[in-house]
Amino acid sequence: MKGLLNKDKTKRFTIDQALSHPWFSTLHKDNVLDSETKNQVLATMTKYAASNKVNKAIKIFKTKLSIDNKVSSKYKDLFFKYDKDNNASLS
């Protein structure tokens, strides 16, 4: 099952490799999953993959905001350091 969860696409199982895995082949042989259940599993997996992409994008955005705020804060501190008369302008 780890082959299905590998983030590296080149190392991740193909659909044929996954279906030939004993876990899946046992389910298929015993006809454990009907077509509706299979469709639900596929839909759930698709939603999970999409949510991971969204979560990754949110983390990147939060990191960028954090960096922007830190840089902004440093520039603000630097500005006030040179604003000797505290009139919000440099002369």
PDB file of N, CA and C in Angstrom:
ATOM      1  N   MET A   1       0.820  -1.203   0.000  1.00  0.00           N
ATOM      2  CA  MET A   1       0.000   0.000   0.000  1.00  0.00           C
ATOM      3  C   MET A   1       0.862   1.264   0.000  1.00  0.00           C
ATOM      4  N   LYS A   2       2.089   1.169   0.511  1.00  0.00           N
ATOM      5  CA  LYS A   2       2.948   2.347   0.521  1.00  0.00           C
ATOM      6  C   LYS A   2       3.226   2.839  -0.888  1.00  0.00           C
ATOM      7  N   GLY A   3       3.199   1.915  -1.853  1.00  0.00           N
ATOM      8  CA  GLY A   3       3.432   2.291  -3.243  1.00  0.00           C
ATOM      9  C   GLY A   3       2.391   3.251  -3.770  1.00  0.00           C
ATOM     10  N   LEU A   4       1.207   3.217  -3.196  1.00  0.00           N
ATOM     11  CA  LEU A   4       0.136   4.132  -3.619  1.00  0.00           C
ATOM     12  C   LEU A   4       0.287   5.508  -3.001  1.00  0.00           C
ATOM     13  N   LEU A   5       0.985   5.591  -1.881  1.00  0.00           N
ATOM     14  CA  LEU A   5       1.084   6.844  -1.139  1.00  0.00           C
ATOM     15  C   LEU A   5       2.369   7.612  -1.411  1.00  0.00           C
ATOM     16  N   ASN A   6       3.211   7.090  -2.282  1.00  0.00           N
ATOM     17  CA  ASN A   6       4.475   7.740  -2.568  1.00  0.00           C
ATOM     18  C   ASN A   6       4.251   9.070  -3.272  1.00  0.00           C
ATOM     19  N   LYS A   7       4.847  10.148  -2.746  1.00  0.00           N
ATOM     20  CA  LYS A   7       4.667  11.475  -3.343  1.00  0.00           C
ATOM     21  C   LYS A   7       5.390  11.614  -4.670  1.00  0.00           C
ATOM     22  N   ASP A   8       6.451  10.840  -4.858  1.00  0.00           N
ATOM     23  CA  ASP A   8       7.199  10.880  -6.109  1.00  0.00           C
ATOM     24  C   ASP A   8       6.417  10.110  -7.169  1.00  0.00           C
ATOM     25  N   LYS A   9       5.948  10.815  -8.190  1.00  0.00           N
ATOM     26  CA  LYS A   9       5.102  10.197  -9.214  1.00  0.00           C
ATOM     27  C   LYS A   9       5.810   9.055  -9.938  1.00  0.00           C
ATOM     28  N   THR A  10       7.131   9.162 -10.066  1.00  0.00           N
ATOM     29  CA  THR A  10       7.862   8.118 -10.790  1.00  0.00           C
ATOM     30  C   THR A  10       7.966   6.827  -9.985  1.00  0.00           C
ATOM     31  N   LYS A  11       7.827   6.929  -8.657  1.00  0.00           N
ATOM     32  CA  LYS A  11       7.915   5.753  -7.794  1.00  0.00           C
ATOM     33  C   LYS A  11       6.539   5.236  -7.356  1.00  0.00           C
ATOM     34  N   ARG A  12       5.511   6.054  -7.561  1.00  0.00           N
ATOM     35  CA  ARG A  12       4.159   5.674  -7.148  1.00  0.00           C
ATOM     36  C   ARG A  12       3.627   4.571  -8.057  1.00  0.00           C
ATOM     37  N   PHE A  13       2.832   3.664  -7.487  1.00  0.00           N
ATOM     38  CA  PHE A  13       2.227   2.582  -8.262  1.00  0.00           C
ATOM     39  C   PHE A  13       1.356   3.131  -9.380  1.00  0.00           C
ATOM     40  N   THR A  14       1.369   2.451 -10.495  1.00  0.00           N
ATOM     41  CA  THR A  14       0.406   2.750 -11.556  1.00  0.00           C
ATOM     42  C   THR A  14      -0.901   2.072 -11.166  1.00  0.00           C
ATOM     43  N   ILE A  15      -1.951   2.352 -11.893  1.00  0.00           N
ATOM     44  CA  ILE A  15      -3.240   1.722 -11.585  1.00  0.00           C
ATOM     45  C   ILE A  15      -3.142   0.212 -11.753  1.00  0.00           C
ATOM     46  N   ASP A  16      -2.398  -0.242 -12.758  1.00  0.00           N
ATOM     47  CA  ASP A  16      -2.242  -1.687 -12.976  1.00  0.00           C
ATOM     48  C   ASP A  16      -1.459  -2.337 -11.833  1.00  0.00           C
ATOM     49  N   GLN A  17      -0.409  -1.655 -11.365  1.00  0.00           N
ATOM     50  CA  GLN A  17       0.362  -2.196 -10.235  1.00  0.00           C
ATOM     51  C   GLN A  17      -0.507  -2.260  -8.980  1.00  0.00           C
ATOM     52  N   ALA A  18      -1.296  -1.221  -8.773  1.00  0.00           N
ATOM     53  CA  ALA A  18      -2.162  -1.188  -7.587  1.00  0.00           C
ATOM     54  C   ALA A  18      -3.200  -2.303  -7.645  1.00  0.00           C
ATOM     55  N   LEU A  19      -3.815  -2.471  -8.793  1.00  0.00           N
ATOM     56  CA  LEU A  19      -4.865  -3.491  -8.916  1.00  0.00           C
ATOM     57  C   LEU A  19      -4.313  -4.907  -8.832  1.00  0.00           C
ATOM     58  N   SER A  20      -3.033  -5.080  -9.137  1.00  0.00           N
ATOM     59  CA  SER A  20      -2.442  -6.412  -9.028  1.00  0.00           C
ATOM     60  C   SER A  20      -1.924  -6.697  -7.619  1.00  0.00           C
ATOM     61  N   HIS A  21      -1.957  -5.675  -6.740  1.00  0.00           N
ATOM     62  CA  HIS A  21      -1.533  -5.857  -5.348  1.00  0.00           C
ATOM     63  C   HIS A  21      -2.485  -6.855  -4.682  1.00  0.00           C
ATOM     64  N   PRO A  22      -1.957  -7.741  -3.821  1.00  0.00           N
ATOM     65  CA  PRO A  22      -2.806  -8.759  -3.175  1.00  0.00           C
ATOM     66  C   PRO A  22      -4.046  -8.197  -2.479  1.00  0.00           C
ATOM     67  N   TRP A  23      -3.923  -7.039  -1.862  1.00  0.00           N
ATOM     68  CA  TRP A  23      -5.079  -6.481  -1.153  1.00  0.00           C
ATOM     69  C   TRP A  23      -6.226  -6.202  -2.121  1.00  0.00           C
ATOM     70  N   PHE A  24      -5.908  -5.576  -3.241  1.00  0.00           N
ATOM     71  CA  PHE A  24      -6.942  -5.270  -4.222  1.00  0.00           C
ATOM     72  C   PHE A  24      -7.417  -6.516  -4.957  1.00  0.00           C
ATOM     73  N   SER A  25      -6.478  -7.395  -5.295  1.00  0.00           N
ATOM     74  CA  SER A  25      -6.881  -8.582  -6.046  1.00  0.00           C
ATOM     75  C   SER A  25      -7.786  -9.480  -5.207  1.00  0.00           C
ATOM     76  N   THR A  26      -7.555  -9.524  -3.886  1.00  0.00           N
ATOM     77  CA  THR A  26      -8.433 -10.294  -2.999  1.00  0.00           C
ATOM     78  C   THR A  26      -9.828  -9.687  -2.998  1.00  0.00           C
ATOM     79  N   LEU A  27      -9.900  -8.370  -2.908  1.00  0.00           N
ATOM     80  CA  LEU A  27     -11.211  -7.712  -2.933  1.00  0.00           C
ATOM     81  C   LEU A  27     -11.917  -7.983  -4.249  1.00  0.00           C
ATOM     82  N   HIS A  28     -11.159  -7.908  -5.334  1.00  0.00           N
ATOM     83  CA  HIS A  28     -11.750  -8.116  -6.656  1.00  0.00           C
ATOM     84  C   HIS A  28     -12.212  -9.568  -6.816  1.00  0.00           C
ATOM     85  N   LYS A  29     -11.365 -10.518  -6.376  1.00  0.00           N
ATOM     86  CA  LYS A  29     -11.684 -11.943  -6.505  1.00  0.00           C
ATOM     87  C   LYS A  29     -12.933 -12.285  -5.700  1.00  0.00           C
ATOM     88  N   ASP A  30     -13.006 -11.738  -4.513  1.00  0.00           N
ATOM     89  CA  ASP A  30     -14.153 -12.031  -3.643  1.00  0.00           C
ATOM     90  C   ASP A  30     -15.343 -11.136  -3.957  1.00  0.00           C
ATOM     91  N   ASN A  31     -15.152 -10.209  -4.905  1.00  0.00           N
ATOM     92  CA  ASN A  31     -16.194  -9.260  -5.305  1.00  0.00           C
ATOM     93  C   ASN A  31     -16.728  -8.500  -4.090  1.00  0.00           C
ATOM     94  N   VAL A  32     -15.809  -8.095  -3.215  1.00  0.00           N
ATOM     95  CA  VAL A  32     -16.178  -7.414  -1.972  1.00  0.00           C
ATOM     96  C   VAL A  32     -16.743  -6.027  -2.262  1.00  0.00           C
ATOM     97  N   LEU A  33     -16.140  -5.337  -3.212  1.00  0.00           N
ATOM     98  CA  LEU A  33     -16.587  -3.983  -3.508  1.00  0.00           C
ATOM     99  C   LEU A  33     -17.480  -3.966  -4.739  1.00  0.00           C
ATOM    100  N   ASP A  34     -18.685  -3.454  -4.573  1.00  0.00           N
ATOM    101  CA  ASP A  34     -19.542  -3.292  -5.740  1.00  0.00           C
ATOM    102  C   ASP A  34     -19.152  -2.013  -6.478  1.00  0.00           C
ATOM    103  N   SER A  35     -19.696  -1.789  -7.648  1.00  0.00           N
ATOM    104  CA  SER A  35     -19.280  -0.645  -8.470  1.00  0.00           C
ATOM    105  C   SER A  35     -19.602   0.688  -7.801  1.00  0.00           C
ATOM    106  N   GLU A  36     -20.700   0.760  -7.053  1.00  0.00           N
ATOM    107  CA  GLU A  36     -21.038   2.011  -6.369  1.00  0.00           C
ATOM    108  C   GLU A  36     -19.998   2.342  -5.298  1.00  0.00           C
ATOM    109  N   THR A  37     -19.595   1.332  -4.542  1.00  0.00           N
ATOM    110  CA  THR A  37     -18.580   1.536  -3.514  1.00  0.00           C
ATOM    111  C   THR A  37     -17.255   1.934  -4.142  1.00  0.00           C
ATOM    112  N   LYS A  38     -16.905   1.285  -5.254  1.00  0.00           N
ATOM    113  CA  LYS A  38     -15.665   1.633  -5.960  1.00  0.00           C
ATOM    114  C   LYS A  38     -15.697   3.094  -6.404  1.00  0.00           C
ATOM    115  N   ASN A  39     -16.836   3.540  -6.911  1.00  0.00           N
ATOM    116  CA  ASN A  39     -16.973   4.940  -7.339  1.00  0.00           C
ATOM    117  C   ASN A  39     -16.859   5.889  -6.153  1.00  0.00           C
ATOM    118  N   GLN A  40     -17.423   5.508  -5.017  1.00  0.00           N
ATOM    119  CA  GLN A  40     -17.320   6.334  -3.819  1.00  0.00           C
ATOM    120  C   GLN A  40     -15.879   6.427  -3.329  1.00  0.00           C
ATOM    121  N   VAL A  41     -15.162   5.310  -3.380  1.00  0.00           N
ATOM    122  CA  VAL A  41     -13.756   5.297  -2.973  1.00  0.00           C
ATOM    123  C   VAL A  41     -12.952   6.212  -3.892  1.00  0.00           C
ATOM    124  N   LEU A  42     -13.192   6.106  -5.195  1.00  0.00           N
ATOM    125  CA  LEU A  42     -12.481   6.952  -6.153  1.00  0.00           C
ATOM    126  C   LEU A  42     -12.785   8.427  -5.905  1.00  0.00           C
ATOM    127  N   ALA A  43     -14.046   8.761  -5.654  1.00  0.00           N
ATOM    128  CA  ALA A  43     -14.426  10.151  -5.387  1.00  0.00           C
ATOM    129  C   ALA A  43     -13.757  10.661  -4.115  1.00  0.00           C
ATOM    130  N   THR A  44     -13.711   9.827  -3.089  1.00  0.00           N
ATOM    131  CA  THR A  44     -13.067  10.214  -1.833  1.00  0.00           C
ATOM    132  C   THR A  44     -11.578  10.434  -2.028  1.00  0.00           C
ATOM    133  N   MET A  45     -10.942   9.556  -2.781  1.00  0.00           N
ATOM    134  CA  MET A  45      -9.513   9.707  -3.044  1.00  0.00           C
ATOM    135  C   MET A  45      -9.229  10.970  -3.844  1.00  0.00           C
ATOM    136  N   THR A  46     -10.106  11.285  -4.787  1.00  0.00           N
ATOM    137  CA  THR A  46      -9.950  12.492  -5.597  1.00  0.00           C
ATOM    138  C   THR A  46     -10.085  13.742  -4.732  1.00  0.00           C
ATOM    139  N   LYS A  47     -11.075  13.750  -3.843  1.00  0.00           N
ATOM    140  CA  LYS A  47     -11.251  14.878  -2.931  1.00  0.00           C
ATOM    141  C   LYS A  47     -10.054  15.031  -2.013  1.00  0.00           C
ATOM    142  N   TYR A  48      -9.528  13.905  -1.533  1.00  0.00           N
ATOM    143  CA  TYR A  48      -8.363  13.930  -0.644  1.00  0.00           C
ATOM    144  C   TYR A  48      -7.167  14.548  -1.371  1.00  0.00           C
ATOM    145  N   ALA A  49      -6.938  14.137  -2.601  1.00  0.00           N
ATOM    146  CA  ALA A  49      -5.817  14.680  -3.377  1.00  0.00           C
ATOM    147  C   ALA A  49      -5.990  16.178  -3.582  1.00  0.00           C
ATOM    148  N   ALA A  50      -7.217  16.606  -3.888  1.00  0.00           N
ATOM    149  CA  ALA A  50      -7.485  18.033  -4.100  1.00  0.00           C
ATOM    150  C   ALA A  50      -7.276  18.816  -2.806  1.00  0.00           C
ATOM    151  N   SER A  51      -7.717  18.258  -1.689  1.00  0.00           N
ATOM    152  CA  SER A  51      -7.564  18.978  -0.417  1.00  0.00           C
ATOM    153  C   SER A  51      -6.092  19.112  -0.046  1.00  0.00           C
ATOM    154  N   ASN A  52      -5.287  18.116  -0.386  1.00  0.00           N
ATOM    155  CA  ASN A  52      -3.850  18.224  -0.120  1.00  0.00           C
ATOM    156  C   ASN A  52      -3.235  19.364  -0.920  1.00  0.00           C
ATOM    157  N   LYS A  53      -3.667  19.530  -2.161  1.00  0.00           N
ATOM    158  CA  LYS A  53      -3.149  20.616  -2.987  1.00  0.00           C
ATOM    159  C   LYS A  53      -3.561  21.963  -2.397  1.00  0.00           C
ATOM    160  N   VAL A  54      -4.802  22.056  -1.937  1.00  0.00           N
ATOM    161  CA  VAL A  54      -5.285  23.295  -1.330  1.00  0.00           C
ATOM    162  C   VAL A  54      -4.511  23.585  -0.047  1.00  0.00           C
ATOM    163  N   ASN A  55      -4.333  22.564   0.783  1.00  0.00           N
ATOM    164  CA  ASN A  55      -3.591  22.761   2.031  1.00  0.00           C
ATOM    165  C   ASN A  55      -2.156  23.191   1.764  1.00  0.00           C
ATOM    166  N   LYS A  56      -1.543  22.618   0.752  1.00  0.00           N
ATOM    167  CA  LYS A  56      -0.175  23.000   0.407  1.00  0.00           C
ATOM    168  C   LYS A  56      -0.134  24.459  -0.035  1.00  0.00           C
ATOM    169  N   ALA A  57      -1.103  24.864  -0.848  1.00  0.00           N
ATOM    170  CA  ALA A  57      -1.157  26.250  -1.309  1.00  0.00           C
ATOM    171  C   ALA A  57      -1.364  27.207  -0.138  1.00  0.00           C
ATOM    172  N   ILE A  58      -2.204  26.831   0.810  1.00  0.00           N
ATOM    173  CA  ILE A  58      -2.446  27.664   1.990  1.00  0.00           C
ATOM    174  C   ILE A  58      -1.168  27.804   2.814  1.00  0.00           C
ATOM    175  N   LYS A  59      -0.436  26.697   2.988  1.00  0.00           N
ATOM    176  CA  LYS A  59       0.816  26.759   3.753  1.00  0.00           C
ATOM    177  C   LYS A  59       1.823  27.671   3.073  1.00  0.00           C
ATOM    178  N   ILE A  60       1.911  27.580   1.747  1.00  0.00           N
ATOM    179  CA  ILE A  60       2.834  28.448   1.005  1.00  0.00           C
ATOM    180  C   ILE A  60       2.430  29.906   1.171  1.00  0.00           C
ATOM    181  N   PHE A  61       1.135  30.182   1.073  1.00  0.00           N
ATOM    182  CA  PHE A  61       0.629  31.541   1.222  1.00  0.00           C
ATOM    183  C   PHE A  61       0.930  32.078   2.620  1.00  0.00           C
ATOM    184  N   LYS A  62       0.673  31.257   3.648  1.00  0.00           N
ATOM    185  CA  LYS A  62       0.936  31.690   5.032  1.00  0.00           C
ATOM    186  C   LYS A  62       2.422  31.972   5.236  1.00  0.00           C
ATOM    187  N   THR A  63       3.265  31.127   4.666  1.00  0.00           N
ATOM    188  CA  THR A  63       4.713  31.330   4.786  1.00  0.00           C
ATOM    189  C   THR A  63       5.114  32.630   4.129  1.00  0.00           C
ATOM    190  N   LYS A  64       4.574  32.892   2.938  1.00  0.00           N
ATOM    191  CA  LYS A  64       4.888  34.130   2.222  1.00  0.00           C
ATOM    192  C   LYS A  64       4.424  35.342   3.020  1.00  0.00           C
ATOM    193  N   LEU A  65       3.225  35.261   3.594  1.00  0.00           N
ATOM    194  CA  LEU A  65       2.728  36.364   4.423  1.00  0.00           C
ATOM    195  C   LEU A  65       3.640  36.597   5.616  1.00  0.00           C
ATOM    196  N   SER A  66       4.056  35.525   6.242  1.00  0.00           N
ATOM    197  CA  SER A  66       4.934  35.638   7.407  1.00  0.00           C
ATOM    198  C   SER A  66       6.245  36.297   7.022  1.00  0.00           C
ATOM    199  N   ILE A  67       6.806  35.890   5.898  1.00  0.00           N
ATOM    200  CA  ILE A  67       8.065  36.488   5.439  1.00  0.00           C
ATOM    201  C   ILE A  67       7.841  37.954   5.093  1.00  0.00           C
ATOM    202  N   ASP A  68       6.754  38.259   4.376  1.00  0.00           N
ATOM    203  CA  ASP A  68       6.442  39.636   4.019  1.00  0.00           C
ATOM    204  C   ASP A  68       6.293  40.506   5.257  1.00  0.00           C
ATOM    205  N   ASN A  69       5.619  39.987   6.271  1.00  0.00           N
ATOM    206  CA  ASN A  69       5.434  40.750   7.509  1.00  0.00           C
ATOM    207  C   ASN A  69       6.764  40.994   8.212  1.00  0.00           C
ATOM    208  N   LYS A  70       7.637  39.998   8.204  1.00  0.00           N
ATOM    209  CA  LYS A  70       8.943  40.157   8.846  1.00  0.00           C
ATOM    210  C   LYS A  70       9.774  41.201   8.103  1.00  0.00           C
ATOM    211  N   VAL A  71       9.763  41.140   6.780  1.00  0.00           N
ATOM    212  CA  VAL A  71      10.515  42.104   5.980  1.00  0.00           C
ATOM    213  C   VAL A  71       9.939  43.496   6.178  1.00  0.00           C
ATOM    214  N   SER A  72       8.613  43.583   6.149  1.00  0.00           N
ATOM    215  CA  SER A  72       7.944  44.864   6.353  1.00  0.00           C
ATOM    216  C   SER A  72       8.300  45.443   7.718  1.00  0.00           C
ATOM    217  N   SER A  73       8.301  44.599   8.723  1.00  0.00           N
ATOM    218  CA  SER A  73       8.635  45.055  10.070  1.00  0.00           C
ATOM    219  C   SER A  73      10.067  45.573  10.138  1.00  0.00           C
ATOM    220  N   LYS A  74      10.978  44.889   9.459  1.00  0.00           N
ATOM    221  CA  LYS A  74      12.379  45.332   9.457  1.00  0.00           C
ATOM    222  C   LYS A  74      12.515  46.695   8.771  1.00  0.00           C
ATOM    223  N   TYR A  75      11.803  46.877   7.647  1.00  0.00           N
ATOM    224  CA  TYR A  75      11.863  48.169   6.955  1.00  0.00           C
ATOM    225  C   TYR A  75      11.252  49.275   7.811  1.00  0.00           C
ATOM    226  N   LYS A  76      10.171  48.935   8.503  1.00  0.00           N
ATOM    227  CA  LYS A  76       9.531  49.917   9.375  1.00  0.00           C
ATOM    228  C   LYS A  76      10.488  50.329  10.496  1.00  0.00           C
ATOM    229  N   ASP A  77      11.142  49.354  11.107  1.00  0.00           N
ATOM    230  CA  ASP A  77      12.113  49.638  12.169  1.00  0.00           C
ATOM    231  C   ASP A  77      13.258  50.495  11.641  1.00  0.00           C
ATOM    232  N   LEU A  78      13.722  50.159  10.447  1.00  0.00           N
ATOM    233  CA  LEU A  78      14.809  50.918   9.842  1.00  0.00           C
ATOM    234  C   LEU A  78      14.374  52.361   9.557  1.00  0.00           C
ATOM    235  N   PHE A  79      13.141  52.516   9.051  1.00  0.00           N
ATOM    236  CA  PHE A  79      12.624  53.853   8.769  1.00  0.00           C
ATOM    237  C   PHE A  79      12.587  54.700  10.044  1.00  0.00           C
ATOM    238  N   PHE A  80      12.023  54.114  11.115  1.00  0.00           N
ATOM    239  CA  PHE A  80      11.915  54.871  12.363  1.00  0.00           C
ATOM    240  C   PHE A  80      13.283  55.175  12.985  1.00  0.00           C
ATOM    241  N   LYS A  81      14.242  54.338  12.682  1.00  0.00           N
ATOM    242  CA  LYS A  81      15.597  54.584  13.155  1.00  0.00           C
ATOM    243  C   LYS A  81      16.150  55.876  12.535  1.00  0.00           C
ATOM    244  N   TYR A  82      15.819  56.103  11.262  1.00  0.00           N
ATOM    245  CA  TYR A  82      16.327  57.289  10.564  1.00  0.00           C
ATOM    246  C   TYR A  82      15.380  58.494  10.641  1.00  0.00           C
ATOM    247  N   ASP A  83      14.173  58.285  11.125  1.00  0.00           N
ATOM    248  CA  ASP A  83      13.222  59.392  11.302  1.00  0.00           C
ATOM    249  C   ASP A  83      13.522  60.047  12.650  1.00  0.00           C
ATOM    250  N   LYS A  84      14.507  60.906  12.645  1.00  0.00           N
ATOM    251  CA  LYS A  84      15.016  61.464  13.905  1.00  0.00           C
ATOM    252  C   LYS A  84      14.007  62.331  14.649  1.00  0.00           C
ATOM    253  N   ASP A  85      13.181  63.080  13.907  1.00  0.00           N
ATOM    254  CA  ASP A  85      12.237  63.969  14.595  1.00  0.00           C
ATOM    255  C   ASP A  85      10.828  63.390  14.677  1.00  0.00           C
ATOM    256  N   ASN A  86      10.654  62.103  14.354  1.00  0.00           N
ATOM    257  CA  ASN A  86       9.373  61.395  14.452  1.00  0.00           C
ATOM    258  C   ASN A  86       8.226  62.093  13.735  1.00  0.00           C
ATOM    259  N   ASN A  87       8.501  62.653  12.545  1.00  0.00           N
ATOM    260  CA  ASN A  87       7.422  63.299  11.784  1.00  0.00           C
ATOM    261  C   ASN A  87       7.012  62.454  10.565  1.00  0.00           C
ATOM    262  N   ALA A  88       7.401  61.207  10.546  1.00  0.00           N
ATOM    263  CA  ALA A  88       7.066  60.267   9.480  1.00  0.00           C
ATOM    264  C   ALA A  88       7.622  60.657   8.121  1.00  0.00           C
ATOM    265  N   SER A  89       8.712  61.354   8.125  1.00  0.00           N
ATOM    266  CA  SER A  89       9.409  61.662   6.875  1.00  0.00           C
ATOM    267  C   SER A  89      10.906  61.725   7.151  1.00  0.00           C
ATOM    268  N   LEU A  90      11.642  61.406   6.105  1.00  0.00           N
ATOM    269  CA  LEU A  90      13.086  61.452   6.239  1.00  0.00           C
ATOM    270  C   LEU A  90      13.570  62.752   5.637  1.00  0.00           C
ATOM    271  N   SER A  91      14.477  63.411   6.343  1.00  0.00           N
ATOM    272  CA  SER A  91      14.964  64.681   5.816  1.00  0.00           C
ATOM    273  C   SER A  91      16.471  64.664   5.658  1.00  0.00           C
TER     274      SER A  91
END
